[in-house]
Amino acid sequence: ALDFAREIQRKGLLDEARQIYESVLEKSPDNPGALHFLGVLMHQRGDSPRAVELIRRAIALQPDNPGMYNNLGNVLLESGQVDNAAEAYRQCLDLAPDFVETHNNLGTIHRARGDLEAAEQAYARALELRPEFAEAYYNMANLRFAQNRVTEAADFAFRAITLNPAHAPSRKILAIAYYKLGEMDKAIEVYRQWLADEPVIAASVSSDNPIARHHLAACTGEAVPARAADAYVETTFDAFAASFDSNLEMLNYRAPELVGQAVARACPAAARQWRVLDAGCGTGLCGRHLAPYASVLTGVDLSGNMLAKAAQRQVYDVLEKDRKSTRLNS
């Protein structure tokens, strides 16, 4: 059952996989595999606190499993708990010093902390252990960009694509590298080839590849839209949702707090007296500042993954995407 659940989970059938994991846990509440992979699934669903709880329970039952520590680190990292993530990765490497993915993941932490030399060493170790690890080549490309070594960034991105043609971020960074190097024809060719190879990148997005088409228009100056297409915004922020809050926290982002202060100055009495619309609510960072004034608080966003994060805050009465609303807290 667990093998089948993992297979359909990899295919994106999360609801079906969740039902299997929960059925296994009904019969065997201390099954570490079911706890672990249900935790991974909950993170995919946007419920990272629940994911951490489940994976930690699995680790307590099976403390010698390095993969569990690696996945715990992944969840903690995307939740903004960088120090805890680093500790989980170190525990993984204590058990399995050659765990390739963990070296790669530690490189991401080093880079986030500004230690580019340590990041390079971690990515290099991952590639030493697995010379065909496309994700590590992609991360090296990003690192070279941060170091303004754009030619090398292009080389690493090209190698990542060679190993994994379906890796869209590598195509994007390769094209941007060519653009930065003034090789516009090569950048345009990357986007055109990307569109030819991968016309649709998400089943939920009806238009053809919105990322490639957006950047192709920027490079060619042809068919430039009046604003970024809904599909481009949706795809971009769906991919960004898991790490959105933690990234803004590192930037000391204060817009929601400032909105709350502005509302308090204009409306000193918070008596849940108005129907409030949070347009472009994202992960709901403004929600707690608006809720005291709202008889009904509605959040609207183009990104379903961002709305899933907003729902976890439990301050919205309605969350709406594409005119399909979900009533909450009723």
Protein backbone atom coordinates (compact mmCIF):
# COMPACT_ATOMS: atom_id res chain seq x y z
CA ALA A 1 0.00 0.00 0.00
CA LEU A 2 2.80 2.41 0.88
CA ASP A 3 4.67 1.67 -2.34
CA PHE A 4 1.53 2.37 -4.35
CA ALA A 5 0.81 5.55 -2.38
CA ARG A 6 4.34 6.84 -2.98
CA GLU A 7 4.02 6.13 -6.70
CA ILE A 8 0.76 8.06 -7.10
CA GLN A 9 2.12 10.82 -4.83
CA ARG A 10 5.01 11.26 -7.27
CA LYS A 11 2.43 11.56 -10.05
CA GLY A 12 0.68 14.38 -8.19
CA LEU A 13 -2.38 12.41 -7.02
CA LEU A 14 -2.10 13.82 -3.53
CA ASP A 15 -5.67 13.28 -2.33
CA GLU A 16 -5.59 9.62 -3.31
CA ALA A 17 -2.18 9.10 -1.72
CA ARG A 18 -3.28 10.80 1.46
CA GLN A 19 -6.26 8.46 1.79
CA ILE A 20 -3.94 5.45 1.60
CA TYR A 21 -1.48 6.82 4.16
CA GLU A 22 -4.30 7.65 6.56
CA SER A 23 -5.84 4.19 6.08
CA VAL A 24 -2.49 2.58 6.91
CA LEU A 25 -2.17 4.75 10.02
CA GLU A 26 -5.66 3.78 11.17
CA LYS A 27 -4.50 0.17 11.30
CA SER A 28 -0.90 0.90 12.31
CA PRO A 29 -0.60 4.32 14.04
CA ASP A 30 3.15 3.94 14.51
CA ASN A 31 4.03 3.06 10.93
CA PRO A 32 7.11 5.25 10.29
CA GLY A 33 6.86 5.06 6.50
CA ALA A 34 3.25 6.24 6.46
CA LEU A 35 4.01 9.03 8.93
CA HIS A 36 7.05 10.15 6.93
CA PHE A 37 5.47 10.26 3.51
CA LEU A 38 2.21 11.72 4.79
CA GLY A 39 4.39 14.46 6.28
CA VAL A 40 6.01 15.09 2.91
CA LEU A 41 2.54 15.19 1.35
CA MET A 42 1.24 17.67 3.92
CA HIS A 43 4.14 19.95 3.06
CA GLN A 44 3.20 19.65 -0.60
CA ARG A 45 -0.28 20.70 0.44
CA GLY A 46 1.12 23.76 2.20
CA ASP A 47 0.69 22.58 5.78
CA SER A 48 4.33 22.67 6.87
CA PRO A 49 3.72 22.64 10.66
CA ARG A 50 1.75 19.41 10.32
CA ALA A 51 4.48 18.04 8.03
CA VAL A 52 7.18 18.71 10.63
CA GLU A 53 5.08 17.03 13.34
CA LEU A 54 4.53 13.89 11.26
CA ILE A 55 8.14 13.55 10.10
CA ARG A 56 9.47 14.05 13.62
CA ARG A 57 7.15 11.27 14.81
CA ALA A 58 8.52 9.03 12.07
CA ILE A 59 12.11 9.85 13.08
CA ALA A 60 11.37 9.03 16.73
CA LEU A 61 10.25 5.58 15.58
CA GLN A 62 13.10 5.10 13.08
CA PRO A 63 16.00 7.35 14.16
CA ASP A 64 18.55 5.68 11.88
CA ASN A 65 16.81 6.66 8.62
CA PRO A 66 18.85 9.45 6.94
CA GLY A 67 16.20 10.20 4.31
CA MET A 68 13.76 11.28 7.00
CA TYR A 69 16.23 13.83 8.36
CA ASN A 70 16.82 15.13 4.84
CA ASN A 71 13.11 15.61 4.20
CA LEU A 72 12.66 17.19 7.61
CA GLY A 73 15.41 19.63 6.69
CA ASN A 74 13.67 20.43 3.41
CA VAL A 75 10.41 21.25 5.15
CA LEU A 76 12.12 23.33 7.83
CA LEU A 77 14.16 25.22 5.23
CA GLU A 78 11.13 26.14 3.16
CA SER A 79 9.39 27.19 6.37
CA GLY A 80 12.16 29.66 7.14
CA GLN A 81 13.63 27.65 10.04
CA VAL A 82 17.13 27.73 8.59
CA ASP A 83 19.08 26.77 11.73
CA ASN A 84 16.78 23.83 12.46
CA ALA A 85 17.03 22.75 8.83
CA ALA A 86 20.82 22.83 8.96
CA GLU A 87 20.76 20.67 12.09
CA ALA A 88 18.48 18.13 10.40
CA TYR A 89 20.83 17.96 7.42
CA ARG A 90 23.82 17.46 9.71
CA GLN A 91 22.02 14.59 11.44
CA CYS A 92 21.40 13.06 8.03
CA LEU A 93 25.09 13.28 7.12
CA ASP A 94 26.10 11.83 10.49
CA LEU A 95 24.17 8.71 9.47
CA ALA A 96 25.06 8.80 5.76
CA PRO A 97 28.07 11.03 4.92
CA ASP A 98 27.56 10.51 1.19
CA PHE A 99 23.86 11.46 1.09
CA VAL A 100 24.01 13.48 -2.12
CA GLU A 101 20.80 15.49 -1.79
CA THR A 102 21.78 16.70 1.67
CA HIS A 103 25.10 18.12 0.48
CA ASN A 104 23.15 19.95 -2.21
CA ASN A 105 20.62 21.21 0.33
CA LEU A 106 23.32 22.42 2.71
CA GLY A 107 24.75 24.41 -0.19
CA THR A 108 21.44 26.24 -0.41
CA ILE A 109 21.64 27.11 3.29
CA HIS A 110 25.21 28.35 2.99
CA ARG A 111 24.23 30.52 0.05
CA ALA A 112 21.23 31.95 1.94
CA ARG A 113 23.61 32.87 4.76
CA GLY A 114 25.98 34.55 2.31
CA ASP A 115 28.75 31.98 2.66
CA LEU A 116 29.29 31.44 -1.06
CA GLU A 117 32.55 29.53 -0.59
CA ALA A 118 30.89 26.95 1.66
CA ALA A 119 27.96 26.75 -0.77
CA GLU A 120 30.33 26.02 -3.65
CA GLN A 121 32.07 23.29 -1.65
CA ALA A 122 28.73 21.65 -0.80
CA TYR A 123 27.51 21.70 -4.40
CA ALA A 124 30.87 20.43 -5.63
CA ARG A 125 30.71 17.55 -3.15
CA ALA A 126 27.23 16.65 -4.41
CA LEU A 127 28.51 16.60 -7.98
CA GLU A 128 31.54 14.57 -6.96
CA LEU A 129 29.24 11.95 -5.48
CA ARG A 130 26.77 12.10 -8.38
CA PRO A 131 28.25 13.64 -11.55
CA GLU A 132 24.85 13.55 -13.28
CA PHE A 133 22.95 15.46 -10.59
CA ALA A 134 21.11 18.11 -12.60
CA GLU A 135 19.78 20.00 -9.57
CA ALA A 136 23.32 20.58 -8.26
CA TYR A 137 24.40 21.95 -11.64
CA TYR A 138 21.41 24.31 -11.53
CA ASN A 139 22.34 25.47 -8.04
CA MET A 140 25.93 26.04 -9.18
CA ALA A 141 24.54 28.16 -12.02
CA ASN A 142 22.61 30.29 -9.53
CA LEU A 143 25.71 30.57 -7.35
CA ARG A 144 27.81 31.75 -10.28
CA PHE A 145 25.18 34.40 -10.99
CA ALA A 146 25.48 35.62 -7.41
CA GLN A 147 29.23 35.84 -7.96
CA ASN A 148 28.68 37.69 -11.27
CA ARG A 149 30.44 34.88 -13.13
CA VAL A 150 27.78 34.77 -15.81
CA THR A 151 29.65 32.74 -18.43
CA GLU A 152 30.17 29.96 -15.89
CA ALA A 153 26.51 30.26 -14.85
CA ALA A 154 25.50 29.61 -18.45
CA ASP A 155 27.79 26.59 -18.63
CA PHE A 156 26.36 25.03 -15.48
CA ALA A 157 22.78 25.72 -16.57
CA PHE A 158 23.48 24.15 -19.97
CA ARG A 159 24.83 21.03 -18.30
CA ALA A 160 21.75 20.84 -16.06
CA ILE A 161 19.47 21.00 -19.10
CA THR A 162 21.52 18.36 -20.90
CA LEU A 163 20.95 16.01 -17.97
CA ASN A 164 17.33 17.00 -17.38
CA PRO A 165 15.68 18.77 -20.34
CA ALA A 166 12.43 19.04 -18.38
CA HIS A 167 14.03 21.20 -15.65
CA ALA A 168 12.36 24.53 -16.42
CA PRO A 169 14.39 26.69 -13.96
CA SER A 170 17.60 25.69 -15.73
CA ARG A 171 16.20 26.80 -19.07
CA LYS A 172 15.17 30.09 -17.55
CA ILE A 173 18.56 30.79 -15.98
CA LEU A 174 20.41 29.79 -19.18
CA ALA A 175 18.37 32.26 -21.21
CA ILE A 176 18.90 35.03 -18.65
CA ALA A 177 22.63 34.30 -18.69
CA TYR A 178 22.73 34.69 -22.46
CA TYR A 179 20.74 37.91 -22.12
CA LYS A 180 23.20 39.27 -19.53
CA LEU A 181 26.09 38.34 -21.82
CA GLY A 182 24.50 40.27 -24.69
CA GLU A 183 23.83 37.10 -26.68
CA MET A 184 20.20 37.91 -27.35
CA ASP A 185 19.81 35.48 -30.26
CA LYS A 186 20.84 32.59 -28.00
CA ALA A 187 18.43 33.71 -25.27
CA ILE A 188 15.57 33.88 -27.76
CA GLU A 189 16.43 30.44 -29.08
CA VAL A 190 16.32 28.97 -25.56
CA TYR A 191 12.82 30.34 -25.01
CA ARG A 192 11.60 29.22 -28.42
CA GLN A 193 13.00 25.74 -27.95
CA TRP A 194 11.48 25.62 -24.48
CA LEU A 195 8.08 26.44 -25.94
CA ALA A 196 8.50 23.79 -28.62
CA ASP A 197 9.55 21.10 -26.15
CA GLU A 198 7.23 21.97 -23.31
CA PRO A 199 4.17 23.87 -24.51
CA VAL A 200 2.16 23.31 -21.32
CA ILE A 201 3.88 23.30 -17.92
CA ALA A 202 0.91 22.87 -15.60
CA ALA A 203 -2.41 21.13 -16.01
CA SER A 204 -4.11 23.98 -14.15
CA VAL A 205 -2.83 26.58 -16.61
CA SER A 206 -4.82 26.69 -19.83
CA SER A 207 -2.46 28.81 -21.92
CA ASP A 208 0.78 27.51 -23.35
CA ASN A 209 3.98 27.78 -21.33
CA PRO A 210 3.45 31.20 -19.70
CA ILE A 211 6.98 31.53 -18.28
CA ALA A 212 8.74 30.98 -21.59
CA ARG A 213 6.24 33.10 -23.52
CA HIS A 214 6.53 36.00 -21.08
CA HIS A 215 10.32 36.10 -21.29
CA LEU A 216 10.33 35.54 -25.04
CA ALA A 217 8.15 38.62 -25.45
CA ALA A 218 10.55 40.57 -23.23
CA CYS A 219 13.53 39.54 -25.36
CA THR A 220 11.99 39.99 -28.80
CA GLY A 221 9.69 42.94 -28.12
CA GLU A 222 7.00 41.02 -30.02
CA ALA A 223 3.48 40.33 -28.71
CA VAL A 224 4.24 42.20 -25.49
CA PRO A 225 1.14 42.13 -23.27
CA ALA A 226 -0.22 45.22 -21.55
CA ARG A 227 0.58 43.49 -18.25
CA ALA A 228 1.87 40.12 -17.12
CA ALA A 229 -0.63 37.42 -18.09
CA ASP A 230 -2.68 35.80 -15.34
CA ALA A 231 -1.16 32.43 -16.23
CA TYR A 232 2.36 33.82 -15.78
CA VAL A 233 1.52 35.29 -12.38
CA GLU A 234 -0.26 32.11 -11.28
CA THR A 235 2.58 29.82 -12.33
CA THR A 236 5.26 32.05 -10.82
CA PHE A 237 3.60 32.39 -7.43
CA ASP A 238 2.41 28.79 -7.26
CA ALA A 239 6.08 27.80 -7.47
CA PHE A 240 7.07 30.46 -4.90
CA ALA A 241 4.35 29.81 -2.33
CA ALA A 242 6.21 27.32 -0.12
CA SER A 243 9.13 29.66 0.56
CA PHE A 244 7.33 32.99 0.12
CA ASP A 245 6.95 33.92 3.79
CA SER A 246 10.47 32.88 4.79
CA ASN A 247 12.02 34.83 1.92
CA LEU A 248 10.09 37.97 2.87
CA GLU A 249 11.09 37.51 6.50
CA MET A 250 14.77 37.50 5.49
CA LEU A 251 14.12 40.77 3.60
CA ASN A 252 12.51 42.33 6.72
CA TYR A 253 9.34 42.85 4.69
CA ARG A 254 7.01 45.22 6.61
CA ALA A 255 4.20 46.00 4.18
CA PRO A 256 1.48 44.05 6.07
CA GLU A 257 2.47 45.72 9.34
CA LEU A 258 2.35 49.14 7.67
CA VAL A 259 -1.07 48.37 6.21
CA GLY A 260 -2.28 47.45 9.70
CA GLN A 261 -0.95 50.72 11.11
CA ALA A 262 -2.60 52.74 8.34
CA VAL A 263 -5.96 51.03 8.95
CA ALA A 264 -5.66 51.62 12.70
CA ARG A 265 -5.00 55.34 12.15
CA ALA A 266 -7.98 55.71 9.81
CA CYS A 267 -10.33 53.50 11.82
CA PRO A 268 -9.39 53.46 15.49
CA ALA A 269 -12.36 51.29 16.49
CA ALA A 270 -11.89 47.63 15.55
CA ALA A 271 -15.37 46.17 15.92
CA ARG A 272 -15.60 43.69 13.04
CA GLN A 273 -17.89 46.22 11.39
CA TRP A 274 -17.06 45.97 7.65
CA ARG A 275 -16.96 43.54 4.79
CA VAL A 276 -13.27 43.59 3.84
CA LEU A 277 -11.64 42.48 0.59
CA ASP A 278 -7.93 41.58 0.67
CA ALA A 279 -7.18 41.77 -3.07
CA GLY A 280 -4.04 39.90 -4.02
CA CYS A 281 -3.90 38.41 -0.55
CA GLY A 282 -1.06 35.98 -1.31
CA THR A 283 -0.27 33.86 1.73
CA GLY A 284 -2.46 36.09 3.89
CA LEU A 285 0.17 38.22 5.57
CA CYS A 286 -2.27 41.14 5.88
CA GLY A 287 -5.07 38.94 7.18
CA ARG A 288 -4.41 39.25 10.91
CA HIS A 289 -4.19 43.04 10.60
CA LEU A 290 -7.53 43.26 8.75
CA ALA A 291 -9.54 40.61 10.60
CA PRO A 292 -10.37 42.78 13.67
CA TYR A 293 -12.24 45.20 11.37
CA ALA A 294 -14.03 42.55 9.28
CA SER A 295 -17.46 41.05 9.70
CA VAL A 296 -16.48 39.08 6.59
CA LEU A 297 -12.88 38.94 5.39
CA THR A 298 -12.44 37.78 1.79
CA GLY A 299 -9.05 37.05 0.24
CA VAL A 300 -8.58 36.88 -3.53
CA ASP A 301 -5.48 35.76 -5.39
CA LEU A 302 -4.49 34.23 -8.73
CA SER A 303 -2.31 31.56 -7.10
CA GLY A 304 -4.04 28.55 -5.62
CA ASN A 305 -0.91 27.54 -3.71
CA MET A 306 -0.71 30.98 -2.10
CA LEU A 307 -4.37 30.72 -1.10
CA ALA A 308 -3.69 27.34 0.52
CA LYS A 309 -1.08 29.02 2.72
CA ALA A 310 -3.53 31.83 3.51
CA ALA A 311 -6.14 29.29 4.61
CA GLN A 312 -3.78 27.97 7.27
CA ARG A 313 -3.88 31.35 9.04
CA GLN A 314 -7.57 30.75 9.82
CA VAL A 315 -8.49 34.43 9.67
CA TYR A 316 -10.32 34.53 6.32
CA ASP A 317 -14.03 33.78 5.93
CA VAL A 318 -13.75 33.35 2.14
CA LEU A 319 -10.80 32.67 -0.15
CA GLU A 320 -11.44 33.01 -3.85
CA LYS A 321 -9.57 32.11 -7.03
CA ASP A 322 -10.96 32.43 -10.57
CA ARG A 323 -14.40 33.26 -9.20
CA LYS A 324 -14.52 29.89 -7.42
CA SER A 325 -14.82 30.62 -3.73
CA THR A 326 -14.14 28.50 -0.69
CA ARG A 327 -16.00 29.50 2.46
CA LEU A 328 -13.98 29.01 5.63
CA ASN A 329 -14.66 29.18 9.35
CA SER A 330 -18.39 28.89 8.74
